Amino acid sequence: MSTAPVNEVPDSLKPPAFVAEPAASASVSIPVRVFGFRMPWARLSTARRTLLGWSVAFALLLALPLVDTNGGDLDSFANAGTYVLLALGLNVVVGFAGLLDLGYAAFFALGAYAYGLAASFQLKIPWCWLGQVSQVKFGNIDVAQLHFSYWIMLPIAALLCATFGILFGAPTLRLRGDYLAIVTLGFGEIVPIVLRNSSAITNGAQGLPGVATPAIFGFSFGFDSRPFYYLILCLVALIVF
């Protein structure tokens, strides 16, 4: 049994073959020079993207005092940086540890008042061997007043806050959730009330007068906003990285 050959269709009659081409990507590859190598942004690793973003942001913040010549905005940025430091510490307690702490700002106040009392002449204590004797008088004003350096009080204030944190945290370690929130909220309300009503020590609502400004290598910060701005910026960068 034989079969008849099948006539093949000539190539001229065959339909044209269409090859599907990939659609053009909507994203635009931006070349970026990182560590001396020119490479597209899309090919950068996540770590290098993060490093590049932080580097650009830090460079812009460093150049901000060159733009703001009157220093008005620098005060706002320095105050904002102070609250950023507070938020970074709160992130450790709430974000990483998962503890709902509503009185975290009280520890911030304790550290601030610790430096303010040590750097001003508000507190009168006869421990002259602890610091620099500023003046000695007799009569109505007794003993000498102490004056501590900013750089000495910076770690001491942090240690004081840690001590209060241990004393406050030891009896409340077993509390969780709403119970811990209520206890920390009460602590956060007690500290401001005590500080405002201790006029003999903290000068009450009027605040501490004559708090010495920081100085480094003989250069006093004074009332210039730029040194404070750079100090806060460096502290934020140190904590973040």
C-alpha atoms as a PDB file:
ATOM      1  CA  MET A   1       0.000   0.000   0.000  1.00  0.00           C
ATOM      2  CA  SER A   2       1.540   3.266  -1.098  1.00  0.00           C
ATOM      3  CA  THR A   3       0.675   6.714  -0.022  1.00  0.00           C
ATOM      4  CA  ALA A   4       0.631   9.732  -2.273  1.00  0.00           C
ATOM      5  CA  PRO A   5       3.157  12.364  -1.442  1.00  0.00           C
ATOM      6  CA  VAL A   6       1.755  15.375   0.253  1.00  0.00           C
ATOM      7  CA  ASN A   7       2.431  18.559  -1.579  1.00  0.00           C
ATOM      8  CA  GLU A   8       4.258  21.005   0.638  1.00  0.00           C
ATOM      9  CA  VAL A   9       3.053  24.589   0.835  1.00  0.00           C
ATOM     10  CA  PRO A  10       5.565  26.896  -0.774  1.00  0.00           C
ATOM     11  CA  ASP A  11       7.292  29.455   1.382  1.00  0.00           C
ATOM     12  CA  SER A  12       5.683  32.320  -0.494  1.00  0.00           C
ATOM     13  CA  LEU A  13       2.236  31.150   0.606  1.00  0.00           C
ATOM     14  CA  LYS A  14       3.152  30.616   4.249  1.00  0.00           C
ATOM     15  CA  PRO A  15       1.942  33.298   6.701  1.00  0.00           C
ATOM     16  CA  PRO A  16       4.697  35.496   8.055  1.00  0.00           C
ATOM     17  CA  ALA A  17       6.134  34.387  11.331  1.00  0.00           C
ATOM     18  CA  PHE A  18       5.818  36.928  14.108  1.00  0.00           C
ATOM     19  CA  VAL A  19       8.264  36.852  16.981  1.00  0.00           C
ATOM     20  CA  ALA A  20       6.964  38.387  20.214  1.00  0.00           C
ATOM     21  CA  GLU A  21       9.411  41.021  21.412  1.00  0.00           C
ATOM     22  CA  PRO A  22       9.486  42.047  25.046  1.00  0.00           C
ATOM     23  CA  ALA A  23       7.781  45.332  25.765  1.00  0.00           C
ATOM     24  CA  ALA A  24       9.991  48.232  26.639  1.00  0.00           C
ATOM     25  CA  SER A  25      10.362  48.668  30.336  1.00  0.00           C
ATOM     26  CA  ALA A  26       8.659  51.705  31.788  1.00  0.00           C
ATOM     27  CA  SER A  27      11.431  52.229  34.315  1.00  0.00           C
ATOM     28  CA  VAL A  28      14.367  54.402  33.443  1.00  0.00           C
ATOM     29  CA  SER A  29      17.812  53.179  34.403  1.00  0.00           C
ATOM     30  CA  ILE A  30      19.753  56.095  35.847  1.00  0.00           C
ATOM     31  CA  PRO A  31      23.508  55.629  35.900  1.00  0.00           C
ATOM     32  CA  VAL A  32      25.010  56.349  39.286  1.00  0.00           C
ATOM     33  CA  ARG A  33      28.669  56.479  40.200  1.00  0.00           C
ATOM     34  CA  VAL A  34      29.267  54.544  43.415  1.00  0.00           C
ATOM     35  CA  PHE A  35      32.742  53.960  44.799  1.00  0.00           C
ATOM     36  CA  GLY A  36      34.249  55.023  41.465  1.00  0.00           C
ATOM     37  CA  PHE A  37      32.121  52.620  39.361  1.00  0.00           C
ATOM     38  CA  ARG A  38      29.439  53.850  36.975  1.00  0.00           C
ATOM     39  CA  MET A  39      26.432  51.584  37.236  1.00  0.00           C
ATOM     40  CA  PRO A  40      22.618  51.907  36.863  1.00  0.00           C
ATOM     41  CA  TRP A  41      20.506  52.602  39.936  1.00  0.00           C
ATOM     42  CA  ALA A  42      18.474  49.429  39.351  1.00  0.00           C
ATOM     43  CA  ARG A  43      21.609  47.275  39.613  1.00  0.00           C
ATOM     44  CA  LEU A  44      22.660  48.707  42.967  1.00  0.00           C
ATOM     45  CA  SER A  45      22.287  46.435  45.937  1.00  0.00           C
ATOM     46  CA  THR A  46      19.928  47.366  48.742  1.00  0.00           C
ATOM     47  CA  ALA A  47      22.825  48.138  51.058  1.00  0.00           C
ATOM     48  CA  ARG A  48      24.422  50.497  48.546  1.00  0.00           C
ATOM     49  CA  ARG A  49      21.110  52.218  47.846  1.00  0.00           C
ATOM     50  CA  THR A  50      20.623  52.786  51.566  1.00  0.00           C
ATOM     51  CA  LEU A  51      24.182  54.034  51.976  1.00  0.00           C
ATOM     52  CA  LEU A  52      23.826  56.365  49.008  1.00  0.00           C
ATOM     53  CA  GLY A  53      20.515  57.754  50.251  1.00  0.00           C
ATOM     54  CA  TRP A  54      21.855  58.419  53.754  1.00  0.00           C
ATOM     55  CA  SER A  55      25.006  59.983  52.327  1.00  0.00           C
ATOM     56  CA  VAL A  56      23.039  62.411  50.161  1.00  0.00           C
ATOM     57  CA  ALA A  57      20.722  63.313  53.055  1.00  0.00           C
ATOM     58  CA  PHE A  58      23.649  63.849  55.421  1.00  0.00           C
ATOM     59  CA  ALA A  59      25.455  66.032  52.857  1.00  0.00           C
ATOM     60  CA  LEU A  60      22.351  68.199  52.427  1.00  0.00           C
ATOM     61  CA  LEU A  61      21.982  68.589  56.185  1.00  0.00           C
ATOM     62  CA  LEU A  62      25.652  69.557  56.480  1.00  0.00           C
ATOM     63  CA  ALA A  63      25.165  72.248  53.838  1.00  0.00           C
ATOM     64  CA  LEU A  64      22.039  73.678  55.492  1.00  0.00           C
ATOM     65  CA  PRO A  65      23.899  76.264  57.650  1.00  0.00           C
ATOM     66  CA  LEU A  66      25.444  77.671  54.456  1.00  0.00           C
ATOM     67  CA  VAL A  67      21.965  78.441  53.132  1.00  0.00           C
ATOM     68  CA  ASP A  68      20.358  79.656  56.358  1.00  0.00           C
ATOM     69  CA  THR A  69      22.575  82.634  57.146  1.00  0.00           C
ATOM     70  CA  ASN A  70      20.412  84.198  59.865  1.00  0.00           C
ATOM     71  CA  GLY A  71      20.199  80.986  61.899  1.00  0.00           C
ATOM     72  CA  GLY A  72      16.463  81.172  62.443  1.00  0.00           C
ATOM     73  CA  ASP A  73      15.724  77.834  60.817  1.00  0.00           C
ATOM     74  CA  LEU A  74      18.729  76.190  62.434  1.00  0.00           C
ATOM     75  CA  ASP A  75      17.109  76.577  65.852  1.00  0.00           C
ATOM     76  CA  SER A  76      14.065  74.698  64.581  1.00  0.00           C
ATOM     77  CA  PHE A  77      16.200  71.978  63.016  1.00  0.00           C
ATOM     78  CA  ALA A  78      18.286  71.631  66.185  1.00  0.00           C
ATOM     79  CA  ASN A  79      15.125  71.286  68.279  1.00  0.00           C
ATOM     80  CA  ALA A  80      13.763  68.785  65.765  1.00  0.00           C
ATOM     81  CA  GLY A  81      17.012  66.825  66.034  1.00  0.00           C
ATOM     82  CA  THR A  82      16.600  66.729  69.815  1.00  0.00           C
ATOM     83  CA  TYR A  83      13.178  65.139  69.405  1.00  0.00           C
ATOM     84  CA  VAL A  84      14.664  62.738  66.839  1.00  0.00           C
ATOM     85  CA  LEU A  85      17.096  61.580  69.544  1.00  0.00           C
ATOM     86  CA  LEU A  86      14.131  61.070  71.856  1.00  0.00           C
ATOM     87  CA  ALA A  87      12.267  59.104  69.172  1.00  0.00           C
ATOM     88  CA  LEU A  88      15.285  56.893  68.449  1.00  0.00           C
ATOM     89  CA  GLY A  89      15.519  55.934  72.103  1.00  0.00           C
ATOM     90  CA  LEU A  90      11.783  55.342  72.278  1.00  0.00           C
ATOM     91  CA  ASN A  91      12.061  53.094  69.230  1.00  0.00           C
ATOM     92  CA  VAL A  92      14.366  50.788  71.192  1.00  0.00           C
ATOM     93  CA  VAL A  93      11.779  50.393  73.970  1.00  0.00           C
ATOM     94  CA  VAL A  94       8.593  50.277  71.898  1.00  0.00           C
ATOM     95  CA  GLY A  95       9.842  49.096  68.518  1.00  0.00           C
ATOM     96  CA  PHE A  96      12.460  46.486  69.408  1.00  0.00           C
ATOM     97  CA  ALA A  97      11.459  45.475  72.942  1.00  0.00           C
ATOM     98  CA  GLY A  98       7.710  45.797  72.336  1.00  0.00           C
ATOM     99  CA  LEU A  99       7.078  47.623  75.622  1.00  0.00           C
ATOM    100  CA  LEU A 100       4.432  50.340  75.595  1.00  0.00           C
ATOM    101  CA  ASP A 101       6.243  53.100  77.479  1.00  0.00           C
ATOM    102  CA  LEU A 102       4.253  56.336  77.803  1.00  0.00           C
ATOM    103  CA  GLY A 103       6.627  58.041  80.238  1.00  0.00           C
ATOM    104  CA  TYR A 104       9.826  57.930  78.225  1.00  0.00           C
ATOM    105  CA  ALA A 105      10.113  61.732  78.076  1.00  0.00           C
ATOM    106  CA  ALA A 106      10.520  61.804  81.866  1.00  0.00           C
ATOM    107  CA  PHE A 107      13.970  60.227  81.569  1.00  0.00           C
ATOM    108  CA  PHE A 108      14.830  62.857  78.985  1.00  0.00           C
ATOM    109  CA  ALA A 109      13.833  65.543  81.502  1.00  0.00           C
ATOM    110  CA  LEU A 110      15.917  63.972  84.264  1.00  0.00           C
ATOM    111  CA  GLY A 111      19.040  64.032  82.096  1.00  0.00           C
ATOM    112  CA  ALA A 112      18.407  67.620  81.003  1.00  0.00           C
ATOM    113  CA  TYR A 113      17.881  68.857  84.569  1.00  0.00           C
ATOM    114  CA  ALA A 114      20.951  66.947  85.734  1.00  0.00           C
ATOM    115  CA  TYR A 115      23.119  68.911  83.337  1.00  0.00           C
ATOM    116  CA  GLY A 116      21.257  72.169  83.964  1.00  0.00           C
ATOM    117  CA  LEU A 117      21.788  71.938  87.721  1.00  0.00           C
ATOM    118  CA  ALA A 118      25.450  71.013  87.351  1.00  0.00           C
ATOM    119  CA  ALA A 119      26.209  73.661  84.712  1.00  0.00           C
ATOM    120  CA  SER A 120      24.474  76.541  86.503  1.00  0.00           C
ATOM    121  CA  PHE A 121      24.798  78.110  89.925  1.00  0.00           C
ATOM    122  CA  GLN A 122      21.334  77.096  91.014  1.00  0.00           C
ATOM    123  CA  LEU A 123      22.336  74.174  93.168  1.00  0.00           C
ATOM    124  CA  LYS A 124      24.304  75.046  96.288  1.00  0.00           C
ATOM    125  CA  ILE A 125      26.157  72.066  97.658  1.00  0.00           C
ATOM    126  CA  PRO A 126      29.430  72.063  99.637  1.00  0.00           C
ATOM    127  CA  TRP A 127      31.131  69.333  97.595  1.00  0.00           C
ATOM    128  CA  CYS A 128      33.864  71.619  96.308  1.00  0.00           C
ATOM    129  CA  TRP A 129      36.171  68.711  95.505  1.00  0.00           C
ATOM    130  CA  LEU A 130      33.762  67.526  92.780  1.00  0.00           C
ATOM    131  CA  GLY A 131      34.105  70.521  90.493  1.00  0.00           C
ATOM    132  CA  GLN A 132      35.492  73.950  89.853  1.00  0.00           C
ATOM    133  CA  VAL A 133      34.934  76.453  92.654  1.00  0.00           C
ATOM    134  CA  SER A 134      33.446  79.549  91.086  1.00  0.00           C
ATOM    135  CA  GLN A 135      33.128  81.805  94.132  1.00  0.00           C
ATOM    136  CA  VAL A 136      33.345  81.579  97.908  1.00  0.00           C
ATOM    137  CA  LYS A 137      31.359  83.956 100.095  1.00  0.00           C
ATOM    138  CA  PHE A 138      30.405  84.150 103.745  1.00  0.00           C
ATOM    139  CA  GLY A 139      27.328  85.535 105.390  1.00  0.00           C
ATOM    140  CA  ASN A 140      23.987  85.024 103.719  1.00  0.00           C
ATOM    141  CA  ILE A 141      25.439  82.839 100.938  1.00  0.00           C
ATOM    142  CA  ASP A 142      27.133  79.764 102.306  1.00  0.00           C
ATOM    143  CA  VAL A 143      29.818  77.493 100.797  1.00  0.00           C
ATOM    144  CA  ALA A 144      30.732  77.383  97.135  1.00  0.00           C
ATOM    145  CA  GLN A 145      28.723  76.694  94.046  1.00  0.00           C
ATOM    146  CA  LEU A 146      29.821  74.060  91.598  1.00  0.00           C
ATOM    147  CA  HIS A 147      30.171  74.286  87.855  1.00  0.00           C
ATOM    148  CA  PHE A 148      30.645  71.162  85.733  1.00  0.00           C
ATOM    149  CA  SER A 149      31.760  70.930  82.143  1.00  0.00           C
ATOM    150  CA  TYR A 150      29.257  69.931  79.469  1.00  0.00           C
ATOM    151  CA  TRP A 151      31.396  67.032  78.240  1.00  0.00           C
ATOM    152  CA  ILE A 152      31.744  65.667  81.780  1.00  0.00           C
ATOM    153  CA  MET A 153      28.038  65.912  82.473  1.00  0.00           C
ATOM    154  CA  LEU A 154      27.009  64.341  79.166  1.00  0.00           C
ATOM    155  CA  PRO A 155      27.908  60.763  80.195  1.00  0.00           C
ATOM    156  CA  ILE A 156      26.959  61.446  83.841  1.00  0.00           C
ATOM    157  CA  ALA A 157      23.453  62.554  82.784  1.00  0.00           C
ATOM    158  CA  ALA A 158      23.105  59.442  80.603  1.00  0.00           C
ATOM    159  CA  LEU A 159      24.229  57.289  83.536  1.00  0.00           C
ATOM    160  CA  LEU A 160      21.721  59.034  85.810  1.00  0.00           C
ATOM    161  CA  CYS A 161      18.891  58.309  83.369  1.00  0.00           C
ATOM    162  CA  ALA A 162      20.006  54.676  83.147  1.00  0.00           C
ATOM    163  CA  THR A 163      20.017  54.447  86.949  1.00  0.00           C
ATOM    164  CA  PHE A 164      16.480  55.791  87.184  1.00  0.00           C
ATOM    165  CA  GLY A 165      15.500  53.409  84.400  1.00  0.00           C
ATOM    166  CA  ILE A 166      16.826  50.439  86.372  1.00  0.00           C
ATOM    167  CA  LEU A 167      15.179  51.579  89.601  1.00  0.00           C
ATOM    168  CA  PHE A 168      11.884  52.153  87.826  1.00  0.00           C
ATOM    169  CA  GLY A 169      12.084  49.097  85.584  1.00  0.00           C
ATOM    170  CA  ALA A 170      12.994  46.527  88.250  1.00  0.00           C
ATOM    171  CA  PRO A 171       9.559  46.453  89.932  1.00  0.00           C
ATOM    172  CA  THR A 172       7.673  46.793  86.645  1.00  0.00           C
ATOM    173  CA  LEU A 173       9.367  44.062  84.586  1.00  0.00           C
ATOM    174  CA  ARG A 174       6.399  41.705  84.906  1.00  0.00           C
ATOM    175  CA  LEU A 175       3.903  44.276  83.670  1.00  0.00           C
ATOM    176  CA  ARG A 176       2.762  44.096  80.060  1.00  0.00           C
ATOM    177  CA  GLY A 177       0.341  45.882  77.793  1.00  0.00           C
ATOM    178  CA  ASP A 178      -2.061  48.350  79.355  1.00  0.00           C
ATOM    179  CA  TYR A 179      -0.692  47.861  82.877  1.00  0.00           C
ATOM    180  CA  LEU A 180       2.799  48.920  81.837  1.00  0.00           C
ATOM    181  CA  ALA A 181       1.358  51.858  79.898  1.00  0.00           C
ATOM    182  CA  ILE A 182      -0.546  53.083  82.975  1.00  0.00           C
ATOM    183  CA  VAL A 183       2.506  52.830  85.268  1.00  0.00           C
ATOM    184  CA  THR A 184       4.832  54.604  82.809  1.00  0.00           C
ATOM    185  CA  LEU A 185       2.199  57.262  82.149  1.00  0.00           C
ATOM    186  CA  GLY A 186       2.010  57.945  85.879  1.00  0.00           C
ATOM    187  CA  PHE A 187       5.792  58.218  86.093  1.00  0.00           C
ATOM    188  CA  GLY A 188       5.805  60.595  83.129  1.00  0.00           C
ATOM    189  CA  GLU A 189       3.306  62.849  84.892  1.00  0.00           C
ATOM    190  CA  ILE A 190       4.951  62.727  88.326  1.00  0.00           C
ATOM    191  CA  VAL A 191       8.387  63.884  87.167  1.00  0.00           C
ATOM    192  CA  PRO A 192       7.225  67.223  85.633  1.00  0.00           C
ATOM    193  CA  ILE A 193       5.089  67.976  88.681  1.00  0.00           C
ATOM    194  CA  VAL A 194       8.012  67.372  91.040  1.00  0.00           C
ATOM    195  CA  LEU A 195      10.381  69.471  88.935  1.00  0.00           C
ATOM    196  CA  ARG A 196       7.943  72.376  88.679  1.00  0.00           C
ATOM    197  CA  ASN A 197       7.201  72.411  92.393  1.00  0.00           C
ATOM    198  CA  SER A 198      10.796  72.067  93.595  1.00  0.00           C
ATOM    199  CA  SER A 199      11.480  75.770  93.309  1.00  0.00           C
ATOM    200  CA  ALA A 200      14.379  75.718  95.751  1.00  0.00           C
ATOM    201  CA  ILE A 201      16.293  73.336  93.484  1.00  0.00           C
ATOM    202  CA  THR A 202      14.950  73.716  89.946  1.00  0.00           C
ATOM    203  CA  ASN A 203      13.642  77.293  90.181  1.00  0.00           C
ATOM    204  CA  GLY A 204      10.188  76.006  89.296  1.00  0.00           C
ATOM    205  CA  ALA A 205       8.447  77.108  86.132  1.00  0.00           C
ATOM    206  CA  GLN A 206      10.958  79.928  85.575  1.00  0.00           C
ATOM    207  CA  GLY A 207      13.653  77.451  84.623  1.00  0.00           C
ATOM    208  CA  LEU A 208      17.339  77.281  85.415  1.00  0.00           C
ATOM    209  CA  PRO A 209      19.203  80.569  84.914  1.00  0.00           C
ATOM    210  CA  GLY A 210      22.783  80.905  83.820  1.00  0.00           C
ATOM    211  CA  VAL A 211      23.275  77.430  82.329  1.00  0.00           C
ATOM    212  CA  ALA A 212      26.745  77.372  80.794  1.00  0.00           C
ATOM    213  CA  THR A 213      26.963  76.661  77.081  1.00  0.00           C
ATOM    214  CA  PRO A 214      29.208  73.840  75.836  1.00  0.00           C
ATOM    215  CA  ALA A 215      32.778  74.562  74.833  1.00  0.00           C
ATOM    216  CA  ILE A 216      35.289  72.452  72.930  1.00  0.00           C
ATOM    217  CA  PHE A 217      39.004  73.160  72.576  1.00  0.00           C
ATOM    218  CA  GLY A 218      38.474  76.597  74.103  1.00  0.00           C
ATOM    219  CA  PHE A 219      35.685  77.486  71.646  1.00  0.00           C
ATOM    220  CA  SER A 220      32.404  78.330  73.353  1.00  0.00           C
ATOM    221  CA  PHE A 221      29.161  77.618  71.537  1.00  0.00           C
ATOM    222  CA  GLY A 222      27.599  80.795  72.904  1.00  0.00           C
ATOM    223  CA  PHE A 223      24.298  81.768  71.336  1.00  0.00           C
ATOM    224  CA  ASP A 224      25.241  80.669  67.823  1.00  0.00           C
ATOM    225  CA  SER A 225      22.864  78.021  66.478  1.00  0.00           C
ATOM    226  CA  ARG A 226      25.342  76.361  64.123  1.00  0.00           C
ATOM    227  CA  PRO A 227      27.477  74.542  66.736  1.00  0.00           C
ATOM    228  CA  PHE A 228      24.369  73.195  68.442  1.00  0.00           C
ATOM    229  CA  TYR A 229      22.974  72.121  65.070  1.00  0.00           C
ATOM    230  CA  TYR A 230      26.140  70.245  64.134  1.00  0.00           C
ATOM    231  CA  LEU A 231      26.331  68.662  67.601  1.00  0.00           C
ATOM    232  CA  ILE A 232      22.765  67.345  67.373  1.00  0.00           C
ATOM    233  CA  LEU A 233      23.376  66.181  63.799  1.00  0.00           C
ATOM    234  CA  CYS A 234      26.483  64.243  64.828  1.00  0.00           C
ATOM    235  CA  LEU A 235      24.665  62.647  67.773  1.00  0.00           C
ATOM    236  CA  VAL A 236      21.782  61.561  65.513  1.00  0.00           C
ATOM    237  CA  ALA A 237      24.221  60.130  62.945  1.00  0.00           C
ATOM    238  CA  LEU A 238      26.137  58.318  65.703  1.00  0.00           C
ATOM    239  CA  ILE A 239      22.985  56.689  67.067  1.00  0.00           C
ATOM    240  CA  VAL A 240      21.531  55.782  63.662  1.00  0.00           C
ATOM    241  CA  PHE A 241      24.698  54.196  62.334  1.00  0.00           C
END
